Amino acid sequence: PLSDYLKDFSCGITVGENYTEEFLKNHYRKLLSDEKIFGID
């Protein structure tokens, strides 16, 4: 049911790329803070 919302977190990520820790934190911060999905931030 959240597929449209989740698509945003797939954009800009490619398997085989070496991403910095800071890039990944910035990219996934909104999703991983979503208490509706994970129950906690």
PDB file of all heavy atoms in Angstrom:
ATOM      1  N   PRO A   1       0.807  -1.223   0.000  1.00  0.00           N
ATOM      2  CA  PRO A   1       0.000   0.000   0.000  1.00  0.00           C
ATOM      3  C   PRO A   1       0.844   1.279   0.000  1.00  0.00           C
ATOM      4  O   PRO A   1       0.353   2.343  -0.354  1.00  0.00           O
ATOM      5  CB  PRO A   1      -0.853  -0.110   1.263  1.00  0.00           C
ATOM      6  CG  PRO A   1      -0.171  -1.119   2.109  1.00  0.00           C
ATOM      7  CD  PRO A   1       0.568  -2.032   1.192  1.00  0.00           C
ATOM      8  N   LEU A   2       2.113   1.181   0.352  1.00  0.00           N
ATOM      9  CA  LEU A   2       2.993   2.353   0.362  1.00  0.00           C
ATOM     10  C   LEU A   2       3.953   2.363  -0.819  1.00  0.00           C
ATOM     11  O   LEU A   2       4.963   3.070  -0.791  1.00  0.00           O
ATOM     12  CB  LEU A   2       3.781   2.410   1.676  1.00  0.00           C
ATOM     13  CG  LEU A   2       2.963   2.601   2.954  1.00  0.00           C
ATOM     14  CD1 LEU A   2       3.880   2.658   4.168  1.00  0.00           C
ATOM     15  CD2 LEU A   2       2.091   3.846   2.875  1.00  0.00           C
ATOM     16  N   SER A   3       3.649   1.603  -1.858  1.00  0.00           N
ATOM     17  CA  SER A   3       4.600   1.466  -2.967  1.00  0.00           C
ATOM     18  C   SER A   3       4.974   2.813  -3.599  1.00  0.00           C
ATOM     19  O   SER A   3       6.140   3.025  -3.934  1.00  0.00           O
ATOM     20  CB  SER A   3       4.081   0.494  -4.025  1.00  0.00           C
ATOM     21  OG  SER A   3       2.869   0.947  -4.565  1.00  0.00           O
ATOM     22  N   ASP A   4       4.029   3.730  -3.744  1.00  0.00           N
ATOM     23  CA  ASP A   4       4.361   5.036  -4.332  1.00  0.00           C
ATOM     24  C   ASP A   4       5.338   5.798  -3.445  1.00  0.00           C
ATOM     25  O   ASP A   4       6.303   6.384  -3.931  1.00  0.00           O
ATOM     26  CB  ASP A   4       3.104   5.870  -4.566  1.00  0.00           C
ATOM     27  CG  ASP A   4       2.263   5.332  -5.716  1.00  0.00           C
ATOM     28  OD1 ASP A   4       2.811   4.594  -6.556  1.00  0.00           O
ATOM     29  OD2 ASP A   4       1.063   5.648  -5.764  1.00  0.00           O
ATOM     30  N   TYR A   5       5.106   5.790  -2.157  1.00  0.00           N
ATOM     31  CA  TYR A   5       5.990   6.444  -1.190  1.00  0.00           C
ATOM     32  C   TYR A   5       7.372   5.785  -1.194  1.00  0.00           C
ATOM     33  O   TYR A   5       8.397   6.465  -1.182  1.00  0.00           O
ATOM     34  CB  TYR A   5       5.347   6.367   0.193  1.00  0.00           C
ATOM     35  CG  TYR A   5       6.208   6.782   1.354  1.00  0.00           C
ATOM     36  CD1 TYR A   5       6.585   8.113   1.534  1.00  0.00           C
ATOM     37  CD2 TYR A   5       6.627   5.853   2.302  1.00  0.00           C
ATOM     38  CE1 TYR A   5       7.354   8.507   2.619  1.00  0.00           C
ATOM     39  CE2 TYR A   5       7.394   6.233   3.390  1.00  0.00           C
ATOM     40  CZ  TYR A   5       7.755   7.558   3.541  1.00  0.00           C
ATOM     41  OH  TYR A   5       8.517   7.939   4.621  1.00  0.00           O
ATOM     42  N   LEU A   6       7.419   4.481  -1.253  1.00  0.00           N
ATOM     43  CA  LEU A   6       8.684   3.742  -1.168  1.00  0.00           C
ATOM     44  C   LEU A   6       9.549   3.909  -2.416  1.00  0.00           C
ATOM     45  O   LEU A   6      10.772   3.795  -2.343  1.00  0.00           O
ATOM     46  CB  LEU A   6       8.408   2.263  -0.901  1.00  0.00           C
ATOM     47  CG  LEU A   6       7.734   1.964   0.440  1.00  0.00           C
ATOM     48  CD1 LEU A   6       7.302   0.505   0.511  1.00  0.00           C
ATOM     49  CD2 LEU A   6       8.623   2.343   1.604  1.00  0.00           C
ATOM     50  N   LYS A   7       8.912   4.185  -3.575  1.00  0.00           N
ATOM     51  CA  LYS A   7       9.677   4.377  -4.819  1.00  0.00           C
ATOM     52  C   LYS A   7      10.704   5.487  -4.685  1.00  0.00           C
ATOM     53  O   LYS A   7      11.774   5.424  -5.292  1.00  0.00           O
ATOM     54  CB  LYS A   7       8.732   4.682  -5.986  1.00  0.00           C
ATOM     55  CG  LYS A   7       8.003   3.491  -6.503  1.00  0.00           C
ATOM     56  CD  LYS A   7       7.081   3.894  -7.646  1.00  0.00           C
ATOM     57  CE  LYS A   7       6.164   2.750  -7.990  1.00  0.00           C
ATOM     58  NZ  LYS A   7       5.169   3.142  -8.992  1.00  0.00           N
ATOM     59  N   ASP A   8      10.383   6.509  -3.915  1.00  0.00           N
ATOM     60  CA  ASP A   8      11.313   7.634  -3.736  1.00  0.00           C
ATOM     61  C   ASP A   8      12.655   7.184  -3.168  1.00  0.00           C
ATOM     62  O   ASP A   8      13.676   7.798  -3.432  1.00  0.00           O
ATOM     63  CB  ASP A   8      10.715   8.688  -2.797  1.00  0.00           C
ATOM     64  CG  ASP A   8       9.525   9.406  -3.409  1.00  0.00           C
ATOM     65  OD1 ASP A   8       9.359   9.344  -4.640  1.00  0.00           O
ATOM     66  OD2 ASP A   8       8.766  10.023  -2.647  1.00  0.00           O
ATOM     67  N   PHE A   9      12.644   6.125  -2.393  1.00  0.00           N
ATOM     68  CA  PHE A   9      13.875   5.678  -1.737  1.00  0.00           C
ATOM     69  C   PHE A   9      14.691   4.733  -2.611  1.00  0.00           C
ATOM     70  O   PHE A   9      15.808   4.377  -2.267  1.00  0.00           O
ATOM     71  CB  PHE A   9      13.543   5.051  -0.380  1.00  0.00           C
ATOM     72  CG  PHE A   9      12.844   6.026   0.511  1.00  0.00           C
ATOM     73  CD1 PHE A   9      11.473   5.985   0.667  1.00  0.00           C
ATOM     74  CD2 PHE A   9      13.556   7.030   1.144  1.00  0.00           C
ATOM     75  CE1 PHE A   9      10.817   6.917   1.464  1.00  0.00           C
ATOM     76  CE2 PHE A   9      12.912   7.966   1.938  1.00  0.00           C
ATOM     77  CZ  PHE A   9      11.536   7.913   2.099  1.00  0.00           C
ATOM     78  N   SER A  10      14.135   4.341  -3.733  1.00  0.00           N
ATOM     79  CA  SER A  10      14.873   3.532  -4.704  1.00  0.00           C
ATOM     80  C   SER A  10      15.597   4.410  -5.711  1.00  0.00           C
ATOM     81  O   SER A  10      16.609   4.010  -6.271  1.00  0.00           O
ATOM     82  CB  SER A  10      13.924   2.586  -5.439  1.00  0.00           C
ATOM     83  OG  SER A  10      13.295   1.727  -4.527  1.00  0.00           O
ATOM     84  N   CYS A  11      15.060   5.599  -5.928  1.00  0.00           N
ATOM     85  CA  CYS A  11      15.670   6.532  -6.884  1.00  0.00           C
ATOM     86  C   CYS A  11      17.028   6.986  -6.377  1.00  0.00           C
ATOM     87  O   CYS A  11      17.185   7.312  -5.210  1.00  0.00           O
ATOM     88  CB  CYS A  11      14.765   7.747  -7.088  1.00  0.00           C
ATOM     89  SG  CYS A  11      13.194   7.342  -7.852  1.00  0.00           S
ATOM     90  N   GLY A  12      17.989   6.970  -7.269  1.00  0.00           N
ATOM     91  CA  GLY A  12      19.324   7.445  -6.916  1.00  0.00           C
ATOM     92  C   GLY A  12      20.226   6.404  -6.290  1.00  0.00           C
ATOM     93  O   GLY A  12      21.358   6.705  -5.933  1.00  0.00           O
ATOM     94  N   ILE A  13      19.745   5.185  -6.148  1.00  0.00           N
ATOM     95  CA  ILE A  13      20.555   4.107  -5.579  1.00  0.00           C
ATOM     96  C   ILE A  13      20.748   3.042  -6.651  1.00  0.00           C
ATOM     97  O   ILE A  13      19.785   2.553  -7.237  1.00  0.00           O
ATOM     98  CB  ILE A  13      19.879   3.469  -4.340  1.00  0.00           C
ATOM     99  CG1 ILE A  13      19.627   4.514  -3.258  1.00  0.00           C
ATOM    100  CG2 ILE A  13      20.710   2.314  -3.805  1.00  0.00           C
ATOM    101  CD1 ILE A  13      20.866   5.052  -2.580  1.00  0.00           C
ATOM    102  N   THR A  14      21.995   2.664  -6.885  1.00  0.00           N
ATOM    103  CA  THR A  14      22.333   1.662  -7.888  1.00  0.00           C
ATOM    104  C   THR A  14      23.236   0.613  -7.250  1.00  0.00           C
ATOM    105  O   THR A  14      24.234   0.961  -6.608  1.00  0.00           O
ATOM    106  CB  THR A  14      23.082   2.299  -9.079  1.00  0.00           C
ATOM    107  OG1 THR A  14      22.269   3.356  -9.608  1.00  0.00           O
ATOM    108  CG2 THR A  14      23.366   1.284 -10.162  1.00  0.00           C
ATOM    109  N   VAL A  15      22.889  -0.634  -7.434  1.00  0.00           N
ATOM    110  CA  VAL A  15      23.741  -1.707  -6.925  1.00  0.00           C
ATOM    111  C   VAL A  15      25.068  -1.655  -7.673  1.00  0.00           C
ATOM    112  O   VAL A  15      25.110  -1.492  -8.882  1.00  0.00           O
ATOM    113  CB  VAL A  15      23.069  -3.086  -7.105  1.00  0.00           C
ATOM    114  CG1 VAL A  15      23.996  -4.200  -6.615  1.00  0.00           C
ATOM    115  CG2 VAL A  15      21.734  -3.137  -6.379  1.00  0.00           C
ATOM    116  N   GLY A  16      26.150  -1.757  -6.929  1.00  0.00           N
ATOM    117  CA  GLY A  16      27.483  -1.698  -7.512  1.00  0.00           C
ATOM    118  C   GLY A  16      28.181  -0.382  -7.245  1.00  0.00           C
ATOM    119  O   GLY A  16      29.384  -0.256  -7.437  1.00  0.00           O
ATOM    120  N   GLU A  17      27.420   0.610  -6.803  1.00  0.00           N
ATOM    121  CA  GLU A  17      28.003   1.903  -6.451  1.00  0.00           C
ATOM    122  C   GLU A  17      28.493   1.846  -5.005  1.00  0.00           C
ATOM    123  O   GLU A  17      27.937   1.138  -4.174  1.00  0.00           O
ATOM    124  CB  GLU A  17      26.965   3.022  -6.581  1.00  0.00           C
ATOM    125  CG  GLU A  17      26.521   3.291  -7.987  1.00  0.00           C
ATOM    126  CD  GLU A  17      27.587   3.961  -8.827  1.00  0.00           C
ATOM    127  OE1 GLU A  17      28.342   4.796  -8.302  1.00  0.00           O
ATOM    128  OE2 GLU A  17      27.671   3.624 -10.025  1.00  0.00           O
ATOM    129  N   ASN A  18      29.503   2.618  -4.723  1.00  0.00           N
ATOM    130  CA  ASN A  18      30.041   2.689  -3.365  1.00  0.00           C
ATOM    131  C   ASN A  18      29.589   4.009  -2.749  1.00  0.00           C
ATOM    132  O   ASN A  18      30.141   5.054  -3.052  1.00  0.00           O
ATOM    133  CB  ASN A  18      31.573   2.598  -3.406  1.00  0.00           C
ATOM    134  CG  ASN A  18      32.171   2.461  -2.026  1.00  0.00           C
ATOM    135  OD1 ASN A  18      31.457   2.217  -1.056  1.00  0.00           O
ATOM    136  ND2 ASN A  18      33.465   2.629  -1.939  1.00  0.00           N
ATOM    137  N   TYR A  19      28.563   3.956  -1.905  1.00  0.00           N
ATOM    138  CA  TYR A  19      27.993   5.157  -1.312  1.00  0.00           C
ATOM    139  C   TYR A  19      28.642   5.446   0.035  1.00  0.00           C
ATOM    140  O   TYR A  19      28.932   4.528   0.798  1.00  0.00           O
ATOM    141  CB  TYR A  19      26.482   4.991  -1.125  1.00  0.00           C
ATOM    142  CG  TYR A  19      25.756   4.821  -2.432  1.00  0.00           C
ATOM    143  CD1 TYR A  19      25.353   3.566  -2.870  1.00  0.00           C
ATOM    144  CD2 TYR A  19      25.504   5.914  -3.243  1.00  0.00           C
ATOM    145  CE1 TYR A  19      24.693   3.408  -4.073  1.00  0.00           C
ATOM    146  CE2 TYR A  19      24.846   5.772  -4.455  1.00  0.00           C
ATOM    147  CZ  TYR A  19      24.453   4.519  -4.862  1.00  0.00           C
ATOM    148  OH  TYR A  19      23.811   4.374  -6.061  1.00  0.00           O
ATOM    149  N   THR A  20      28.827   6.725   0.322  1.00  0.00           N
ATOM    150  CA  THR A  20      29.368   7.100   1.620  1.00  0.00           C
ATOM    151  C   THR A  20      28.310   6.881   2.692  1.00  0.00           C
ATOM    152  O   THR A  20      27.100   6.888   2.414  1.00  0.00           O
ATOM    153  CB  THR A  20      29.810   8.573   1.656  1.00  0.00           C
ATOM    154  OG1 THR A  20      28.644   9.401   1.508  1.00  0.00           O
ATOM    155  CG2 THR A  20      30.838   8.871   0.561  1.00  0.00           C
ATOM    156  N   GLU A  21      28.762   6.725   3.903  1.00  0.00           N
ATOM    157  CA  GLU A  21      27.858   6.575   5.035  1.00  0.00           C
ATOM    158  C   GLU A  21      26.936   7.796   5.132  1.00  0.00           C
ATOM    159  O   GLU A  21      25.736   7.664   5.370  1.00  0.00           O
ATOM    160  CB  GLU A  21      28.677   6.427   6.320  1.00  0.00           C
ATOM    161  CG  GLU A  21      27.865   6.288   7.570  1.00  0.00           C
ATOM    162  CD  GLU A  21      28.739   6.162   8.811  1.00  0.00           C
ATOM    163  OE1 GLU A  21      29.868   5.641   8.717  1.00  0.00           O
ATOM    164  OE2 GLU A  21      28.271   6.593   9.872  1.00  0.00           O
ATOM    165  N   GLU A  22      27.493   8.969   4.915  1.00  0.00           N
ATOM    166  CA  GLU A  22      26.713  10.203   4.996  1.00  0.00           C
ATOM    167  C   GLU A  22      25.622  10.244   3.920  1.00  0.00           C
ATOM    168  O   GLU A  22      24.487  10.651   4.181  1.00  0.00           O
ATOM    169  CB  GLU A  22      27.632  11.420   4.876  1.00  0.00           C
ATOM    170  CG  GLU A  22      26.998  12.698   5.359  1.00  0.00           C
ATOM    171  CD  GLU A  22      26.553  12.654   6.815  1.00  0.00           C
ATOM    172  OE1 GLU A  22      27.216  12.004   7.643  1.00  0.00           O
ATOM    173  OE2 GLU A  22      25.503  13.254   7.111  1.00  0.00           O
ATOM    174  N   PHE A  23      25.948   9.820   2.698  1.00  0.00           N
ATOM    175  CA  PHE A  23      24.946   9.784   1.632  1.00  0.00           C
ATOM    176  C   PHE A  23      23.792   8.859   2.011  1.00  0.00           C
ATOM    177  O   PHE A  23      22.620   9.224   1.874  1.00  0.00           O
ATOM    178  CB  PHE A  23      25.571   9.330   0.310  1.00  0.00           C
ATOM    179  CG  PHE A  23      24.544   9.167  -0.785  1.00  0.00           C
ATOM    180  CD1 PHE A  23      24.173  10.255  -1.557  1.00  0.00           C
ATOM    181  CD2 PHE A  23      23.931   7.939  -1.020  1.00  0.00           C
ATOM    182  CE1 PHE A  23      23.196  10.125  -2.555  1.00  0.00           C
ATOM    183  CE2 PHE A  23      22.965   7.795  -2.002  1.00  0.00           C
ATOM    184  CZ  PHE A  23      22.599   8.892  -2.768  1.00  0.00           C
ATOM    185  N   LEU A  24      24.111   7.646   2.480  1.00  0.00           N
ATOM    186  CA  LEU A  24      23.067   6.692   2.841  1.00  0.00           C
ATOM    187  C   LEU A  24      22.218   7.223   4.001  1.00  0.00           C
ATOM    188  O   LEU A  24      20.995   7.062   4.004  1.00  0.00           O
ATOM    189  CB  LEU A  24      23.669   5.332   3.178  1.00  0.00           C
ATOM    190  CG  LEU A  24      24.263   4.573   1.994  1.00  0.00           C
ATOM    191  CD1 LEU A  24      24.927   3.283   2.471  1.00  0.00           C
ATOM    192  CD2 LEU A  24      23.220   4.279   0.924  1.00  0.00           C
ATOM    193  N   LYS A  25      22.858   7.855   4.973  1.00  0.00           N
ATOM    194  CA  LYS A  25      22.102   8.423   6.094  1.00  0.00           C
ATOM    195  C   LYS A  25      21.119   9.478   5.593  1.00  0.00           C
ATOM    196  O   LYS A  25      19.947   9.480   5.986  1.00  0.00           O
ATOM    197  CB  LYS A  25      23.047   9.039   7.129  1.00  0.00           C
ATOM    198  CG  LYS A  25      23.694   8.036   8.020  1.00  0.00           C
ATOM    199  CD  LYS A  25      24.531   8.726   9.086  1.00  0.00           C
ATOM    200  CE  LYS A  25      25.076   7.691  10.033  1.00  0.00           C
ATOM    201  NZ  LYS A  25      25.769   8.304  11.166  1.00  0.00           N
ATOM    202  N   ASN A  26      21.585  10.354   4.746  1.00  0.00           N
ATOM    203  CA  ASN A  26      20.704  11.401   4.220  1.00  0.00           C
ATOM    204  C   ASN A  26      19.597  10.822   3.346  1.00  0.00           C
ATOM    205  O   ASN A  26      18.453  11.258   3.410  1.00  0.00           O
ATOM    206  CB  ASN A  26      21.508  12.433   3.426  1.00  0.00           C
ATOM    207  CG  ASN A  26      22.370  13.289   4.313  1.00  0.00           C
ATOM    208  OD1 ASN A  26      22.056  13.513   5.482  1.00  0.00           O
ATOM    209  ND2 ASN A  26      23.477  13.764   3.778  1.00  0.00           N
ATOM    210  N   HIS A  27      19.936   9.819   2.546  1.00  0.00           N
ATOM    211  CA  HIS A  27      18.971   9.230   1.622  1.00  0.00           C
ATOM    212  C   HIS A  27      17.859   8.468   2.359  1.00  0.00           C
ATOM    213  O   HIS A  27      16.689   8.537   1.963  1.00  0.00           O
ATOM    214  CB  HIS A  27      19.687   8.290   0.646  1.00  0.00           C
ATOM    215  CG  HIS A  27      18.821   7.831  -0.467  1.00  0.00           C
ATOM    216  ND1 HIS A  27      18.565   8.600  -1.586  1.00  0.00           N
ATOM    217  CD2 HIS A  27      18.123   6.678  -0.639  1.00  0.00           C
ATOM    218  CE1 HIS A  27      17.760   7.935  -2.397  1.00  0.00           C
ATOM    219  NE2 HIS A  27      17.475   6.771  -1.843  1.00  0.00           N
ATOM    220  N   TYR A  28      18.222   7.740   3.407  1.00  0.00           N
ATOM    221  CA  TYR A  28      17.256   6.869   4.081  1.00  0.00           C
ATOM    222  C   TYR A  28      16.736   7.419   5.410  1.00  0.00           C
ATOM    223  O   TYR A  28      15.916   6.774   6.057  1.00  0.00           O
ATOM    224  CB  TYR A  28      17.861   5.476   4.290  1.00  0.00           C
ATOM    225  CG  TYR A  28      17.951   4.696   3.008  1.00  0.00           C
ATOM    226  CD1 TYR A  28      19.165   4.528   2.351  1.00  0.00           C
ATOM    227  CD2 TYR A  28      16.809   4.139   2.436  1.00  0.00           C
ATOM    228  CE1 TYR A  28      19.245   3.817   1.154  1.00  0.00           C
ATOM    229  CE2 TYR A  28      16.880   3.428   1.248  1.00  0.00           C
ATOM    230  CZ  TYR A  28      18.089   3.275   0.617  1.00  0.00           C
ATOM    231  OH  TYR A  28      18.157   2.571  -0.563  1.00  0.00           O
ATOM    232  N   ARG A  29      17.181   8.593   5.817  1.00  0.00           N
ATOM    233  CA  ARG A  29      16.767   9.151   7.118  1.00  0.00           C
ATOM    234  C   ARG A  29      15.241   9.243   7.243  1.00  0.00           C
ATOM    235  O   ARG A  29      14.663   8.829   8.234  1.00  0.00           O
ATOM    236  CB  ARG A  29      17.401  10.521   7.339  1.00  0.00           C
ATOM    237  CG  ARG A  29      17.102  11.120   8.707  1.00  0.00           C
ATOM    238  CD  ARG A  29      17.854  12.400   8.964  1.00  0.00           C
ATOM    239  NE  ARG A  29      19.283  12.289   8.750  1.00  0.00           N
ATOM    240  CZ  ARG A  29      20.149  11.737   9.608  1.00  0.00           C
ATOM    241  NH1 ARG A  29      19.712  11.236  10.745  1.00  0.00           N
ATOM    242  NH2 ARG A  29      21.437  11.701   9.329  1.00  0.00           N
ATOM    243  N   LYS A  30      14.587   9.801   6.231  1.00  0.00           N
ATOM    244  CA  LYS A  30      13.125   9.973   6.302  1.00  0.00           C
ATOM    245  C   LYS A  30      12.427   8.613   6.434  1.00  0.00           C
ATOM    246  O   LYS A  30      11.523   8.448   7.255  1.00  0.00           O
ATOM    247  CB  LYS A  30      12.622  10.710   5.061  1.00  0.00           C
ATOM    248  CG  LYS A  30      11.120  10.935   5.069  1.00  0.00           C
ATOM    249  CD  LYS A  30      10.655  11.673   3.826  1.00  0.00           C
ATOM    250  CE  LYS A  30       9.151  11.822   3.823  1.00  0.00           C
ATOM    251  NZ  LYS A  30       8.664  12.426   2.582  1.00  0.00           N
ATOM    252  N   LEU A  31      12.837   7.648   5.632  1.00  0.00           N
ATOM    253  CA  LEU A  31      12.189   6.338   5.677  1.00  0.00           C
ATOM    254  C   LEU A  31      12.437   5.646   7.012  1.00  0.00           C
ATOM    255  O   LEU A  31      11.509   5.148   7.640  1.00  0.00           O
ATOM    256  CB  LEU A  31      12.678   5.458   4.527  1.00  0.00           C
ATOM    257  CG  LEU A  31      12.103   4.044   4.463  1.00  0.00           C
ATOM    258  CD1 LEU A  31      10.582   4.058   4.378  1.00  0.00           C
ATOM    259  CD2 LEU A  31      12.694   3.297   3.272  1.00  0.00           C
ATOM    260  N   LEU A  32      13.678   5.622   7.460  1.00  0.00           N
ATOM    261  CA  LEU A  32      14.005   4.889   8.687  1.00  0.00           C
ATOM    262  C   LEU A  32      13.523   5.607   9.954  1.00  0.00           C
ATOM    263  O   LEU A  32      13.574   5.031  11.039  1.00  0.00           O
ATOM    264  CB  LEU A  32      15.494   4.590   8.749  1.00  0.00           C
ATOM    265  CG  LEU A  32      15.957   3.573   7.702  1.00  0.00           C
ATOM    266  CD1 LEU A  32      17.472   3.459   7.677  1.00  0.00           C
ATOM    267  CD2 LEU A  32      15.327   2.213   7.942  1.00  0.00           C
ATOM    268  N   SER A  33      13.042   6.823   9.815  1.00  0.00           N
ATOM    269  CA  SER A  33      12.447   7.515  10.964  1.00  0.00           C
ATOM    270  C   SER A  33      10.930   7.339  10.997  1.00  0.00           C
ATOM    271  O   SER A  33      10.272   7.799  11.923  1.00  0.00           O
ATOM    272  CB  SER A  33      12.793   9.008  10.937  1.00  0.00           C
ATOM    273  OG  SER A  33      12.159   9.644   9.853  1.00  0.00           O
ATOM    274  N   ASP A  34      10.383   6.654  10.016  1.00  0.00           N
ATOM    275  CA  ASP A  34       8.933   6.504   9.882  1.00  0.00           C
ATOM    276  C   ASP A  34       8.393   5.485  10.892  1.00  0.00           C
ATOM    277  O   ASP A  34       8.540   4.273  10.717  1.00  0.00           O
ATOM    278  CB  ASP A  34       8.586   6.075   8.454  1.00  0.00           C
ATOM    279  CG  ASP A  34       7.114   6.204   8.147  1.00  0.00           C
ATOM    280  OD1 ASP A  34       6.283   5.979   9.058  1.00  0.00           O
ATOM    281  OD2 ASP A  34       6.790   6.530   6.997  1.00  0.00           O
ATOM    282  N   GLU A  35       7.783   6.005  11.934  1.00  0.00           N
ATOM    283  CA  GLU A  35       7.269   5.145  13.002  1.00  0.00           C
ATOM    284  C   GLU A  35       6.067   4.311  12.569  1.00  0.00           C
ATOM    285  O   GLU A  35       5.779   3.278  13.174  1.00  0.00           O
ATOM    286  CB  GLU A  35       6.934   5.980  14.238  1.00  0.00           C
ATOM    287  CG  GLU A  35       8.170   6.591  14.852  1.00  0.00           C
ATOM    288  CD  GLU A  35       7.904   7.360  16.133  1.00  0.00           C
ATOM    289  OE1 GLU A  35       6.951   7.012  16.864  1.00  0.00           O
ATOM    290  OE2 GLU A  35       8.660   8.313  16.396  1.00  0.00           O
ATOM    291  N   LYS A  36       5.375   4.724  11.526  1.00  0.00           N
ATOM    292  CA  LYS A  36       4.254   3.922  11.031  1.00  0.00           C
ATOM    293  C   LYS A  36       4.761   2.623  10.414  1.00  0.00           C
ATOM    294  O   LYS A  36       4.083   1.607  10.466  1.00  0.00           O
ATOM    295  CB  LYS A  36       3.441   4.711  10.004  1.00  0.00           C
ATOM    296  CG  LYS A  36       2.665   5.847  10.607  1.00  0.00           C
ATOM    297  CD  LYS A  36       1.907   6.609   9.555  1.00  0.00           C
ATOM    298  CE  LYS A  36       1.215   7.806  10.178  1.00  0.00           C
ATOM    299  NZ  LYS A  36       0.617   8.681   9.186  1.00  0.00           N
ATOM    300  N   ILE A  37       5.949   2.662   9.847  1.00  0.00           N
ATOM    301  CA  ILE A  37       6.515   1.463   9.229  1.00  0.00           C
ATOM    302  C   ILE A  37       7.294   0.634  10.241  1.00  0.00           C
ATOM    303  O   ILE A  37       7.144  -0.584  10.298  1.00  0.00           O
ATOM    304  CB  ILE A  37       7.415   1.836   8.031  1.00  0.00           C
ATOM    305  CG1 ILE A  37       6.578   2.458   6.920  1.00  0.00           C
ATOM    306  CG2 ILE A  37       8.168   0.601   7.508  1.00  0.00           C
ATOM    307  CD1 ILE A  37       7.382   2.965   5.732  1.00  0.00           C
ATOM    308  N   PHE A  38       8.110   1.283  11.060  1.00  0.00           N
ATOM    309  CA  PHE A  38       9.026   0.547  11.933  1.00  0.00           C
ATOM    310  C   PHE A  38       8.609   0.507  13.399  1.00  0.00           C
ATOM    311  O   PHE A  38       9.229  -0.201  14.189  1.00  0.00           O
ATOM    312  CB  PHE A  38      10.438   1.140  11.818  1.00  0.00           C
ATOM    313  CG  PHE A  38      10.999   1.023  10.437  1.00  0.00           C
ATOM    314  CD1 PHE A  38      10.992   2.108   9.576  1.00  0.00           C
ATOM    315  CD2 PHE A  38      11.507  -0.181   9.974  1.00  0.00           C
ATOM    316  CE1 PHE A  38      11.496   1.997   8.283  1.00  0.00           C
ATOM    317  CE2 PHE A  38      12.000  -0.305   8.687  1.00  0.00           C
ATOM    318  CZ  PHE A  38      11.995   0.790   7.846  1.00  0.00           C
ATOM    319  N   GLY A  39       7.592   1.278  13.773  1.00  0.00           N
ATOM    320  CA  GLY A  39       7.144   1.277  15.162  1.00  0.00           C
ATOM    321  C   GLY A  39       7.937   2.223  16.044  1.00  0.00           C
ATOM    322  O   GLY A  39       7.494   2.558  17.138  1.00  0.00           O
ATOM    323  N   ILE A  40       9.108   2.631  15.596  1.00  0.00           N
ATOM    324  CA  ILE A  40       9.954   3.589  16.294  1.00  0.00           C
ATOM    325  C   ILE A  40      10.755   4.365  15.255  1.00  0.00           C
ATOM    326  O   ILE A  40      10.829   3.956  14.099  1.00  0.00           O
ATOM    327  CB  ILE A  40      10.933   2.907  17.282  1.00  0.00           C
ATOM    328  CG1 ILE A  40      11.877   1.958  16.544  1.00  0.00           C
ATOM    329  CG2 ILE A  40      10.219   2.187  18.393  1.00  0.00           C
ATOM    330  CD1 ILE A  40      13.031   1.496  17.401  1.00  0.00           C
ATOM    331  N   ASP A  41      11.359   5.446  15.704  1.00  0.00           N
ATOM    332  CA  ASP A  41      12.255   6.206  14.844  1.00  0.00           C
ATOM    333  C   ASP A  41      13.630   5.558  14.939  1.00  0.00           C
ATOM    334  O   ASP A  41      14.358   5.746  15.915  1.00  0.00           O
ATOM    335  CB  ASP A  41      12.296   7.669  15.305  1.00  0.00           C
ATOM    336  CG  ASP A  41      13.212   8.540  14.474  1.00  0.00           C
ATOM    337  OD1 ASP A  41      14.025   7.997  13.688  1.00  0.00           O
ATOM    338  OD2 ASP A  41      13.131   9.770  14.622  1.00  0.00           O
TER     339      ASP A  41
END
